[in-house]
C-alpha atoms as a PDB file:
ATOM      1  CA  MET A   1      90.816  94.296 132.570  1.00  0.00           C
ATOM      2  CA  SER A   2      93.008  97.180 134.412  1.00  0.00           C
ATOM      3  CA  LYS A   3      92.126 100.397 135.050  1.00  0.00           C
ATOM      4  CA  ALA A   4      92.836 102.881 131.824  1.00  0.00           C
ATOM      5  CA  PRO A   5      95.864 105.098 133.663  1.00  0.00           C
ATOM      6  CA  GLY A   6      95.656 109.174 132.700  1.00  0.00           C
ATOM      7  CA  GLU A   7      97.702 110.489 129.612  1.00  0.00           C
ATOM      8  CA  PHE A   8     100.637 111.607 131.895  1.00  0.00           C
ATOM      9  CA  GLU A   9     100.744 108.475 134.495  1.00  0.00           C
ATOM     10  CA  LEU A  10     100.721 106.321 130.764  1.00  0.00           C
ATOM     11  CA  ILE A  11     103.602 108.207 129.378  1.00  0.00           C
ATOM     12  CA  ALA A  12     105.786 107.675 132.679  1.00  0.00           C
ATOM     13  CA  ARG A  13     104.730 104.393 133.078  1.00  0.00           C
ATOM     14  CA  LEU A  14     105.930 102.859 129.447  1.00  0.00           C
ATOM     15  CA  THR A  15     108.893 105.113 129.104  1.00  0.00           C
ATOM     16  CA  ALA A  16     109.988 104.510 132.515  1.00  0.00           C
ATOM     17  CA  LYS A  17     112.221 101.177 131.669  1.00  0.00           C
ATOM     18  CA  LEU A  18     113.656 101.983 128.102  1.00  0.00           C
ATOM     19  CA  ARG A  19     116.741 101.546 127.682  1.00  0.00           C
ATOM     20  CA  GLN A  20     118.650 104.837 126.244  1.00  0.00           C
ATOM     21  CA  SER A  21     122.712 104.731 124.555  1.00  0.00           C
ATOM     22  CA  ARG A  22     124.602 107.908 124.610  1.00  0.00           C
ATOM     23  CA  ARG A  23     123.546 109.522 121.672  1.00  0.00           C
ATOM     24  CA  THR A  24     120.103 110.600 123.728  1.00  0.00           C
ATOM     25  CA  ILE A  25     121.157 113.201 126.025  1.00  0.00           C
ATOM     26  CA  LEU A  26     117.547 113.625 127.103  1.00  0.00           C
ATOM     27  CA  GLY A  27     114.953 110.868 126.826  1.00  0.00           C
ATOM     28  CA  PRO A  28     111.295 110.997 127.520  1.00  0.00           C
ATOM     29  CA  GLY A  29     109.934 113.407 130.259  1.00  0.00           C
ATOM     30  CA  ASP A  30     110.862 117.297 128.936  1.00  0.00           C
ATOM     31  CA  ASP A  31     108.852 119.229 126.004  1.00  0.00           C
ATOM     32  CA  CYS A  32     111.647 117.840 124.032  1.00  0.00           C
ATOM     33  CA  ALA A  33     114.273 115.227 123.590  1.00  0.00           C
ATOM     34  CA  ILE A  34     117.843 116.057 123.433  1.00  0.00           C
ATOM     35  CA  ARG A  35     120.029 114.140 120.528  1.00  0.00           C
ATOM     36  CA  ALA A  36     123.805 114.258 120.471  1.00  0.00           C
ATOM     37  CA  PRO A  37     124.971 115.669 116.856  1.00  0.00           C
ATOM     38  CA  SER A  38     125.306 113.447 114.166  1.00  0.00           C
ATOM     39  CA  ARG A  39     128.118 113.507 111.623  1.00  0.00           C
ATOM     40  CA  TYR A  40     126.032 111.321 109.093  1.00  0.00           C
ATOM     41  CA  ARG A  41     123.754 112.968 106.723  1.00  0.00           C
ATOM     42  CA  GLN A  42     120.040 112.476 108.274  1.00  0.00           C
ATOM     43  CA  LEU A  43     117.136 110.275 107.425  1.00  0.00           C
ATOM     44  CA  VAL A  44     113.744 110.561 108.879  1.00  0.00           C
ATOM     45  CA  THR A  45     110.658 108.470 108.442  1.00  0.00           C
ATOM     46  CA  ILE A  46     106.790 108.094 109.595  1.00  0.00           C
ATOM     47  CA  ASP A  47     104.329 105.338 109.649  1.00  0.00           C
ATOM     48  CA  SER A  48     101.260 104.372 111.282  1.00  0.00           C
ATOM     49  CA  ILE A  49      99.447 101.329 111.881  1.00  0.00           C
ATOM     50  CA  VAL A  50      95.458 101.733 112.238  1.00  0.00           C
ATOM     51  CA  GLU A  51      93.315  99.262 114.147  1.00  0.00           C
ATOM     52  CA  ARG A  52      90.562  97.782 111.691  1.00  0.00           C
ATOM     53  CA  VAL A  53      92.567  98.786 108.674  1.00  0.00           C
ATOM     54  CA  HIS A  54      95.852  97.287 109.752  1.00  0.00           C
ATOM     55  CA  PHE A  55      95.190  94.864 112.473  1.00  0.00           C
ATOM     56  CA  LYS A  56      93.401  93.082 114.652  1.00  0.00           C
ATOM     57  CA  LEU A  57      93.588  93.012 118.296  1.00  0.00           C
ATOM     58  CA  ASP A  58      92.290  89.426 118.446  1.00  0.00           C
ATOM     59  CA  TRP A  59      94.952  88.418 115.719  1.00  0.00           C
ATOM     60  CA  SER A  60      98.021  88.729 118.031  1.00  0.00           C
ATOM     61  CA  THR A  61      99.562  89.520 121.277  1.00  0.00           C
ATOM     62  CA  PRO A  62     100.420  93.291 122.054  1.00  0.00           C
ATOM     63  CA  GLU A  63     103.802  92.317 122.023  1.00  0.00           C
ATOM     64  CA  VAL A  64     103.594  91.327 118.807  1.00  0.00           C
ATOM     65  CA  LEU A  65     101.830  94.664 117.809  1.00  0.00           C
ATOM     66  CA  GLY A  66     104.796  96.556 119.024  1.00  0.00           C
ATOM     67  CA  ALA A  67     107.034  95.216 117.457  1.00  0.00           C
ATOM     68  CA  ARG A  68     105.391  95.368 113.869  1.00  0.00           C
ATOM     69  CA  ALA A  69     104.589  98.854 114.877  1.00  0.00           C
ATOM     70  CA  LEU A  70     108.463  99.340 114.597  1.00  0.00           C
ATOM     71  CA  SER A  71     109.537  96.701 111.965  1.00  0.00           C
ATOM     72  CA  VAL A  72     107.113  98.859 109.038  1.00  0.00           C
ATOM     73  CA  ASN A  73     109.418 102.152 109.874  1.00  0.00           C
ATOM     74  CA  LEU A  74     112.472 100.079 110.139  1.00  0.00           C
ATOM     75  CA  SER A  75     112.018  99.143 106.345  1.00  0.00           C
ATOM     76  CA  ASP A  76     112.132 102.364 105.236  1.00  0.00           C
ATOM     77  CA  ILE A  77     115.403 102.937 106.382  1.00  0.00           C
ATOM     78  CA  ALA A  78     116.286  99.414 104.952  1.00  0.00           C
ATOM     79  CA  ALA A  79     115.357 101.009 101.888  1.00  0.00           C
ATOM     80  CA  MET A  80     117.554 103.992 101.887  1.00  0.00           C
ATOM     81  CA  GLY A  81     120.534 101.944 103.030  1.00  0.00           C
ATOM     82  CA  GLY A  82     120.123 103.779 106.119  1.00  0.00           C
ATOM     83  CA  VAL A  83     121.480 102.794 109.692  1.00  0.00           C
ATOM     84  CA  PRO A  84     118.088 103.485 112.586  1.00  0.00           C
ATOM     85  CA  THR A  85     118.978 105.483 115.954  1.00  0.00           C
ATOM     86  CA  ALA A  86     115.720 106.843 116.918  1.00  0.00           C
ATOM     87  CA  CYS A  87     112.379 107.629 117.254  1.00  0.00           C
ATOM     88  CA  VAL A  88     109.068 108.854 118.855  1.00  0.00           C
ATOM     89  CA  VAL A  89     105.931 106.825 119.096  1.00  0.00           C
ATOM     90  CA  ASN A  90     102.467 108.173 119.400  1.00  0.00           C
ATOM     91  CA  LEU A  91      99.559 106.206 120.275  1.00  0.00           C
ATOM     92  CA  ALA A  92      95.917 106.584 119.724  1.00  0.00           C
ATOM     93  CA  ILE A  93      94.057 105.026 122.406  1.00  0.00           C
ATOM     94  CA  ARG A  94      90.964 103.855 122.377  1.00  0.00           C
ATOM     95  CA  PRO A  95      88.298 103.551 125.239  1.00  0.00           C
ATOM     96  CA  GLY A  96      88.257  99.624 126.823  1.00  0.00           C
ATOM     97  CA  LEU A  97      91.760  99.113 126.881  1.00  0.00           C
ATOM     98  CA  GLY A  98      94.075  99.170 129.990  1.00  0.00           C
ATOM     99  CA  ALA A  99      97.503  99.616 131.504  1.00  0.00           C
ATOM    100  CA  ARG A 100      98.579  95.969 130.913  1.00  0.00           C
ATOM    101  CA  PHE A 101      97.637  95.987 127.391  1.00  0.00           C
ATOM    102  CA  PHE A 102      99.762  98.965 127.150  1.00  0.00           C
ATOM    103  CA  ASP A 103     102.908  97.339 129.533  1.00  0.00           C
ATOM    104  CA  ARG A 104     103.059  94.447 127.386  1.00  0.00           C
ATOM    105  CA  LEU A 105     102.612  96.765 123.747  1.00  0.00           C
ATOM    106  CA  TYR A 106     105.471  98.823 124.955  1.00  0.00           C
ATOM    107  CA  ALA A 107     107.577  95.914 125.731  1.00  0.00           C
ATOM    108  CA  GLY A 108     107.413  94.639 122.070  1.00  0.00           C
ATOM    109  CA  LEU A 109     107.976  97.749 121.070  1.00  0.00           C
ATOM    110  CA  ALA A 110     111.185  98.342 123.273  1.00  0.00           C
ATOM    111  CA  GLU A 111     112.461  94.754 122.499  1.00  0.00           C
ATOM    112  CA  ALA A 112     112.593  95.419 118.605  1.00  0.00           C
ATOM    113  CA  ALA A 113     113.943  98.945 119.197  1.00  0.00           C
ATOM    114  CA  THR A 114     116.941  97.378 121.093  1.00  0.00           C
ATOM    115  CA  ALA A 115     117.521  94.702 118.687  1.00  0.00           C
ATOM    116  CA  ALA A 116     117.908  97.395 115.947  1.00  0.00           C
ATOM    117  CA  ASP A 117     119.862 100.031 118.388  1.00  0.00           C
ATOM    118  CA  VAL A 118     117.200 102.554 118.440  1.00  0.00           C
ATOM    119  CA  ASP A 119     116.500 104.855 121.094  1.00  0.00           C
ATOM    120  CA  ILE A 120     113.041 105.356 121.655  1.00  0.00           C
ATOM    121  CA  VAL A 121     113.456 109.276 123.062  1.00  0.00           C
ATOM    122  CA  GLY A 122     109.982 110.978 123.237  1.00  0.00           C
ATOM    123  CA  GLY A 123     105.978 110.380 122.203  1.00  0.00           C
ATOM    124  CA  ASN A 124     102.557 111.721 122.751  1.00  0.00           C
ATOM    125  CA  VAL A 125      99.478 109.683 124.229  1.00  0.00           C
ATOM    126  CA  THR A 126      96.170 111.071 122.536  1.00  0.00           C
ATOM    127  CA  SER A 127      92.060 109.687 122.776  1.00  0.00           C
ATOM    128  CA  ALA A 128      90.669 108.267 119.528  1.00  0.00           C
ATOM    129  CA  ASP A 129      88.214 105.621 118.100  1.00  0.00           C
ATOM    130  CA  ALA A 130      90.281 103.086 116.896  1.00  0.00           C
ATOM    131  CA  LEU A 131      93.932 102.302 118.302  1.00  0.00           C
ATOM    132  CA  ALA A 132      96.741 103.655 116.221  1.00  0.00           C
ATOM    133  CA  ILE A 133     100.621 103.374 116.807  1.00  0.00           C
ATOM    134  CA  THR A 134     102.300 106.057 114.639  1.00  0.00           C
ATOM    135  CA  ILE A 135     106.108 106.233 115.094  1.00  0.00           C
ATOM    136  CA  ALA A 136     108.745 108.859 113.677  1.00  0.00           C
ATOM    137  CA  LEU A 137     111.994 107.069 112.761  1.00  0.00           C
ATOM    138  CA  MET A 138     115.421 109.300 112.688  1.00  0.00           C
ATOM    139  CA  GLY A 139     118.087 106.968 110.943  1.00  0.00           C
ATOM    140  CA  ASP A 140     121.949 107.709 109.643  1.00  0.00           C
ATOM    141  CA  ALA A 141     123.223 107.874 106.376  1.00  0.00           C
ATOM    142  CA  HIS A 142     127.092 106.430 106.680  1.00  0.00           C
ATOM    143  CA  GLY A 143     127.602 106.542 102.949  1.00  0.00           C
ATOM    144  CA  ALA A 144     125.386 106.223  99.556  1.00  0.00           C
ATOM    145  CA  VAL A 145     121.559 106.406  99.741  1.00  0.00           C
ATOM    146  CA  LEU A 146     119.343 104.130  97.778  1.00  0.00           C
ATOM    147  CA  ARG A 147     116.792 106.299  96.077  1.00  0.00           C
ATOM    148  CA  ARG A 148     114.016 105.638  93.466  1.00  0.00           C
ATOM    149  CA  ASP A 149     115.024 107.995  91.060  1.00  0.00           C
ATOM    150  CA  VAL A 150     118.346 106.612  89.533  1.00  0.00           C
ATOM    151  CA  ALA A 151     117.320 103.595  87.896  1.00  0.00           C
ATOM    152  CA  GLN A 152     118.565 103.304  84.231  1.00  0.00           C
ATOM    153  CA  SER A 153     117.879 101.214  80.814  1.00  0.00           C
ATOM    154  CA  GLY A 154     120.097  98.250  81.065  1.00  0.00           C
ATOM    155  CA  ASP A 155     119.787  97.579  84.797  1.00  0.00           C
ATOM    156  CA  GLU A 156     118.500  94.069  86.196  1.00  0.00           C
ATOM    157  CA  VAL A 157     116.223  94.403  88.775  1.00  0.00           C
ATOM    158  CA  PHE A 158     116.190  92.062  91.836  1.00  0.00           C
ATOM    159  CA  VAL A 159     114.140  91.566  94.487  1.00  0.00           C
ATOM    160  CA  THR A 160     115.182  89.643  98.220  1.00  0.00           C
ATOM    161  CA  GLY A 161     113.153  87.037  99.799  1.00  0.00           C
ATOM    162  CA  THR A 162     109.867  85.952  98.666  1.00  0.00           C
ATOM    163  CA  VAL A 163     106.853  88.368  98.206  1.00  0.00           C
ATOM    164  CA  GLY A 164     102.902  87.423  97.985  1.00  0.00           C
ATOM    165  CA  ASP A 165     103.751  85.644 101.865  1.00  0.00           C
ATOM    166  CA  ALA A 166     101.986  88.667 104.173  1.00  0.00           C
ATOM    167  CA  ALA A 167      99.092  89.384 101.838  1.00  0.00           C
ATOM    168  CA  LEU A 168      98.002  85.622 102.026  1.00  0.00           C
ATOM    169  CA  GLY A 169      98.521  85.854 105.819  1.00  0.00           C
ATOM    170  CA  TRP A 170      96.367  88.912 106.094  1.00  0.00           C
ATOM    171  CA  ARG A 171      93.899  86.532 104.707  1.00  0.00           C
ATOM    172  CA  ILE A 172      94.195  83.857 106.440  1.00  0.00           C
ATOM    173  CA  LEU A 173      93.615  85.923 109.498  1.00  0.00           C
ATOM    174  CA  ALA A 174      90.904  87.736 108.234  1.00  0.00           C
ATOM    175  CA  GLY A 175      88.798  84.786 107.436  1.00  0.00           C
ATOM    176  CA  LYS A 176      88.928  84.901 103.651  1.00  0.00           C
ATOM    177  CA  LEU A 177      91.479  82.060 103.398  1.00  0.00           C
ATOM    178  CA  ILE A 178      92.160  78.734 104.180  1.00  0.00           C
ATOM    179  CA  ALA A 179      95.884  77.398 104.969  1.00  0.00           C
ATOM    180  CA  ARG A 180      96.921  74.383 106.096  1.00  0.00           C
ATOM    181  CA  PRO A 181     100.053  73.356 108.362  1.00  0.00           C
ATOM    182  CA  PRO A 182     102.685  74.454 108.101  1.00  0.00           C
ATOM    183  CA  SER A 183     101.966  77.046 105.420  1.00  0.00           C
ATOM    184  CA  ARG A 184      99.200  78.916 107.862  1.00  0.00           C
ATOM    185  CA  LYS A 185     102.005  79.803 110.546  1.00  0.00           C
ATOM    186  CA  PHE A 186     104.560  80.599 107.985  1.00  0.00           C
ATOM    187  CA  LEU A 187     102.287  82.793 106.103  1.00  0.00           C
ATOM    188  CA  ILE A 188     100.611  84.317 109.258  1.00  0.00           C
ATOM    189  CA  ASP A 189     104.064  85.214 110.526  1.00  0.00           C
ATOM    190  CA  ARG A 190     104.938  86.966 107.484  1.00  0.00           C
ATOM    191  CA  PHE A 191     102.291  89.499 108.173  1.00  0.00           C
ATOM    192  CA  LEU A 192     102.159  89.764 111.779  1.00  0.00           C
ATOM    193  CA  GLN A 193     106.261  89.654 111.871  1.00  0.00           C
ATOM    194  CA  PRO A 194     107.965  91.495 109.206  1.00  0.00           C
ATOM    195  CA  HIS A 195     111.767  91.788 109.627  1.00  0.00           C
ATOM    196  CA  ALA A 196     113.494  94.689 107.944  1.00  0.00           C
ATOM    197  CA  ARG A 197     115.954  94.030 105.105  1.00  0.00           C
ATOM    198  CA  LEU A 198     118.762  96.660 107.538  1.00  0.00           C
ATOM    199  CA  THR A 199     121.805  94.529 106.569  1.00  0.00           C
ATOM    200  CA  ALA A 200     120.656  93.959 102.757  1.00  0.00           C
ATOM    201  CA  GLY A 201     120.081  98.042 102.446  1.00  0.00           C
ATOM    202  CA  GLN A 202     123.474  98.764 104.219  1.00  0.00           C
ATOM    203  CA  ARG A 203     125.671  96.673 102.223  1.00  0.00           C
ATOM    204  CA  LEU A 204     123.804  97.394  99.077  1.00  0.00           C
ATOM    205  CA  GLU A 205     124.519 101.131  99.589  1.00  0.00           C
ATOM    206  CA  ARG A 206     128.580 100.031  99.054  1.00  0.00           C
ATOM    207  CA  ILE A 207     128.013  98.563  95.783  1.00  0.00           C
ATOM    208  CA  LYS A 208     128.562 101.094  92.897  1.00  0.00           C
ATOM    209  CA  PRO A 209     127.141 102.727  91.324  1.00  0.00           C
ATOM    210  CA  VAL A 210     124.657 102.902  93.674  1.00  0.00           C
ATOM    211  CA  PRO A 211     121.645 101.066  92.924  1.00  0.00           C
ATOM    212  CA  ALA A 212     118.183 102.518  92.820  1.00  0.00           C
ATOM    213  CA  ALA A 213     115.999 100.896  96.139  1.00  0.00           C
ATOM    214  CA  ILE A 214     112.317 100.763  97.394  1.00  0.00           C
ATOM    215  CA  ASP A 215     110.655  98.809  99.956  1.00  0.00           C
ATOM    216  CA  ILE A 216     107.531  96.367  99.734  1.00  0.00           C
ATOM    217  CA  SER A 217     105.104  97.087 101.294  1.00  0.00           C
ATOM    218  CA  ASP A 218     102.387  98.146  99.054  1.00  0.00           C
ATOM    219  CA  GLY A 219     103.446  95.259  96.494  1.00  0.00           C
ATOM    220  CA  LEU A 220     106.022  94.457  94.094  1.00  0.00           C
ATOM    221  CA  TRP A 221     104.205  96.072  90.874  1.00  0.00           C
ATOM    222  CA  GLN A 222     102.827  99.034  92.785  1.00  0.00           C
ATOM    223  CA  ASP A 223     106.241  99.935  94.297  1.00  0.00           C
ATOM    224  CA  LEU A 224     108.040  98.698  90.843  1.00  0.00           C
ATOM    225  CA  GLY A 225     106.207 101.517  89.250  1.00  0.00           C
ATOM    226  CA  HIS A 226     107.054 103.915  91.901  1.00  0.00           C
ATOM    227  CA  VAL A 227     110.541 103.500  91.033  1.00  0.00           C
ATOM    228  CA  LEU A 228     109.617 103.237  87.116  1.00  0.00           C
ATOM    229  CA  GLU A 229     108.148 106.893  87.461  1.00  0.00           C
ATOM    230  CA  ARG A 230     110.507 108.474  89.740  1.00  0.00           C
ATOM    231  CA  SER A 231     113.674 107.506  87.173  1.00  0.00           C
ATOM    232  CA  GLY A 232     111.361 107.898  84.065  1.00  0.00           C
ATOM    233  CA  VAL A 233     111.872 104.685  82.619  1.00  0.00           C
ATOM    234  CA  GLY A 234     110.109 101.169  81.820  1.00  0.00           C
ATOM    235  CA  ALA A 235     110.766  97.651  82.892  1.00  0.00           C
ATOM    236  CA  GLU A 236     110.080  93.772  81.595  1.00  0.00           C
ATOM    237  CA  ILE A 237     109.580  91.399  84.049  1.00  0.00           C
ATOM    238  CA  GLU A 238     109.837  87.324  83.978  1.00  0.00           C
ATOM    239  CA  ALA A 239     106.659  86.117  85.651  1.00  0.00           C
ATOM    240  CA  ALA A 240     108.773  83.110  86.437  1.00  0.00           C
ATOM    241  CA  ALA A 241     110.918  84.612  87.538  1.00  0.00           C
ATOM    242  CA  ILE A 242     108.970  86.109  90.617  1.00  0.00           C
ATOM    243  CA  PRO A 243     109.872  84.656  93.873  1.00  0.00           C
ATOM    244  CA  LEU A 244     107.540  82.708  95.423  1.00  0.00           C
ATOM    245  CA  SER A 245     107.805  80.561  98.786  1.00  0.00           C
ATOM    246  CA  PRO A 246     106.958  76.908  99.144  1.00  0.00           C
ATOM    247  CA  ALA A 247     104.068  78.204 101.834  1.00  0.00           C
ATOM    248  CA  TYR A 248     102.484  80.791  98.965  1.00  0.00           C
ATOM    249  CA  ARG A 249     102.713  77.414  96.293  1.00  0.00           C
ATOM    250  CA  ALA A 250     101.009  75.368  98.578  1.00  0.00           C
ATOM    251  CA  VAL A 251      98.098  77.872  98.452  1.00  0.00           C
ATOM    252  CA  MET A 252      98.215  79.535  95.090  1.00  0.00           C
ATOM    253  CA  GLY A 253      99.914  77.148  92.775  1.00  0.00           C
ATOM    254  CA  ASP A 254     100.872  79.710  89.799  1.00  0.00           C
ATOM    255  CA  ASP A 255      98.509  81.866  90.764  1.00  0.00           C
ATOM    256  CA  LEU A 256     100.508  85.432  90.731  1.00  0.00           C
ATOM    257  CA  GLY A 257      97.587  87.300  91.656  1.00  0.00           C
ATOM    258  CA  LEU A 258      98.708  88.449  95.357  1.00  0.00           C
ATOM    259  CA  ALA A 259     102.656  87.817  94.586  1.00  0.00           C
ATOM    260  CA  LEU A 260     102.539  91.340  92.470  1.00  0.00           C
ATOM    261  CA  SER A 261      99.851  92.848  94.217  1.00  0.00           C
ATOM    262  CA  GLY A 262      99.900  92.069  97.768  1.00  0.00           C
ATOM    263  CA  GLY A 263     101.567  94.176 100.358  1.00  0.00           C
ATOM    264  CA  GLU A 264     103.205  94.117 103.500  1.00  0.00           C
ATOM    265  CA  ASP A 265     105.955  92.005 102.682  1.00  0.00           C
ATOM    266  CA  TYR A 266     108.451  94.790 103.764  1.00  0.00           C
ATOM    267  CA  GLU A 267     111.209  92.873 101.004  1.00  0.00           C
ATOM    268  CA  LEU A 268     113.805  95.142  98.816  1.00  0.00           C
ATOM    269  CA  LEU A 269     113.504  95.674  95.254  1.00  0.00           C
ATOM    270  CA  PHE A 270     116.497  96.994  93.788  1.00  0.00           C
ATOM    271  CA  CYS A 271     117.531  97.817  90.004  1.00  0.00           C
ATOM    272  CA  LEU A 272     121.757  97.091  89.423  1.00  0.00           C
ATOM    273  CA  ARG A 273     123.782  97.717  86.689  1.00  0.00           C
ATOM    274  CA  GLU A 274     124.351  94.020  84.574  1.00  0.00           C
ATOM    275  CA  GLY A 275     126.786  91.769  86.153  1.00  0.00           C
ATOM    276  CA  HIS A 276     125.911  90.518  89.378  1.00  0.00           C
ATOM    277  CA  SER A 277     124.582  87.263  90.129  1.00  0.00           C
ATOM    278  CA  GLU A 278     122.171  85.983  91.950  1.00  0.00           C
ATOM    279  CA  ALA A 279     124.446  83.884  94.020  1.00  0.00           C
ATOM    280  CA  ALA A 280     126.897  86.810  94.604  1.00  0.00           C
ATOM    281  CA  LEU A 281     124.764  88.884  95.615  1.00  0.00           C
ATOM    282  CA  THR A 282     122.754  86.235  98.230  1.00  0.00           C
ATOM    283  CA  ARG A 283     126.346  85.944  99.533  1.00  0.00           C
ATOM    284  CA  ARG A 284     126.733  89.934 100.161  1.00  0.00           C
ATOM    285  CA  LEU A 285     123.775  90.678 101.326  1.00  0.00           C
ATOM    286  CA  GLY A 286     123.400  87.942 103.869  1.00  0.00           C
ATOM    287  CA  VAL A 287     119.551  86.965 102.494  1.00  0.00           C
ATOM    288  CA  PRO A 288     118.149  85.051  99.272  1.00  0.00           C
ATOM    289  CA  ILE A 289     118.256  87.332  95.826  1.00  0.00           C
ATOM    290  CA  ARG A 290     116.246  86.365  92.716  1.00  0.00           C
ATOM    291  CA  ARG A 291     116.696  88.286  89.839  1.00  0.00           C
ATOM    292  CA  ILE A 292     113.053  89.229  88.131  1.00  0.00           C
ATOM    293  CA  GLY A 293     113.401  91.199  84.587  1.00  0.00           C
ATOM    294  CA  LYS A 294     115.017  94.379  83.518  1.00  0.00           C
ATOM    295  CA  ILE A 295     114.779  98.330  83.301  1.00  0.00           C
ATOM    296  CA  VAL A 296     114.204  99.443  79.577  1.00  0.00           C
ATOM    297  CA  PRO A 297     113.760 102.381  77.920  1.00  0.00           C
ATOM    298  CA  GLY A 298     110.226 104.214  77.905  1.00  0.00           C
ATOM    299  CA  HIS A 299     107.280 103.846  80.176  1.00  0.00           C
ATOM    300  CA  ARG A 300     105.622 100.681  79.975  1.00  0.00           C
ATOM    301  CA  VAL A 301     106.236  97.901  82.462  1.00  0.00           C
ATOM    302  CA  SER A 302     105.270  94.136  80.468  1.00  0.00           C
ATOM    303  CA  LEU A 303     104.631  90.737  82.567  1.00  0.00           C
ATOM    304  CA  ILE A 304     106.017  88.278  80.714  1.00  0.00           C
ATOM    305  CA  GLY A 305     104.216  85.173  81.193  1.00  0.00           C
ATOM    306  CA  GLY A 306     102.018  84.448  84.208  1.00  0.00           C
ATOM    307  CA  VAL A 307      98.712  86.014  85.189  1.00  0.00           C
ATOM    308  CA  THR A 308      98.819  89.198  83.202  1.00  0.00           C
ATOM    309  CA  LYS A 309     100.505  88.998  79.613  1.00  0.00           C
ATOM    310  CA  GLY A 310     101.221  92.160  77.360  1.00  0.00           C
ATOM    311  CA  LYS A 311     102.317  94.839  78.229  1.00  0.00           C
ATOM    312  CA  VAL A 312     100.256  97.674  80.729  1.00  0.00           C
ATOM    313  CA  PRO A 313     101.173 100.632  82.315  1.00  0.00           C
ATOM    314  CA  ALA A 314     102.528 100.115  85.338  1.00  0.00           C
ATOM    315  CA  PRO A 315      99.583 101.302  87.853  1.00  0.00           C
ATOM    316  CA  ARG A 316      97.242  98.882  86.062  1.00  0.00           C
ATOM    317  CA  VAL A 317      98.155  95.921  88.470  1.00  0.00           C
ATOM    318  CA  GLY A 318      97.475  97.545  91.687  1.00  0.00           C
ATOM    319  CA  GLY A 319      98.842  97.021  95.109  1.00  0.00           C
ATOM    320  CA  TRP A 320      97.429  98.632  98.670  1.00  0.00           C
ATOM    321  CA  ASP A 321      96.434 102.008  98.709  1.00  0.00           C
ATOM    322  CA  GLN A 322      95.430 103.664 101.658  1.00  0.00           C
ATOM    323  CA  LEU A 323      92.911 106.399 100.559  1.00  0.00           C
ATOM    324  CA  ARG A 324      91.510 104.022  97.962  1.00  0.00           C
ATOM    325  CA  THR A 325      90.837 101.180 100.759  1.00  0.00           C
ATOM    326  CA  GLY A 326      89.244 102.526 104.043  1.00  0.00           C
ATOM    327  CA  SER A 327      89.047  99.387 105.861  1.00  0.00           C
ATOM    328  CA  ILE A 328      91.012  96.048 106.473  1.00  0.00           C
ATOM    329  CA  ARG A 329      91.470  94.577 102.731  1.00  0.00           C
END
């Protein structure tokens, strides 16, 4: 293993090859970056992934880990219908990791940033007992903004892609579950290499009236609960409509437990006025769309059929909670 460099040497090494667009007047190397003013409203988000909480190093390559650290932030911008523009990165570094590891981690991070047209404009390095990658990401709202607090009774609830896959992928990596190929690879990839639905979010914000939306990072049921709480409404969800991948079904059959409560799928859940078909939305957003239920008056959510029957308060079926779970699930 290569010798760990000093703080400033490592920062210089990692930022030397970073690309910058014309929007960045001054990138890494000073006390602050300088960005050209934007004519759009600004979006700002921050997220962290922490060793032994969100990942283990033997689960993937450093390149995959670097890309994943950015993807979870990109999903927040997607959930608002925004366009990501620039980020700063904080690395909390534990002993035992050399310069080559961080070269590879930043290679994956930089590749993901280039693909999303994001400038990495600065950051920080500190020491810690566990590796942690924290990214603050900025974006532009070119038009309307997708928010959690605008769902109304009568809206229909939709989800992009499939849910529960990442939760199964984590359990396979953690040795808690066995899956056969090709389901095993698909599910693990869904956990390790999430894809933020940026295009879908940007196309959603053009629909009028603007839909309520959220990204599914903590589990479908819990994230739906956030929308319901912020909007002051309830929901009826059809168990049979929850979108499950063939790989999920190969492992879990019709059991919806992880499809409802498993986190880190980074799909979008959104609420639209009646009249939008799944087929039309799939064509418009460029990703498979499934209608899973509707918004109703009140403050409760019903799961019709499936593993939980009858009416239950939205928070009762849990998802990922950072403060209630202190280590990897």
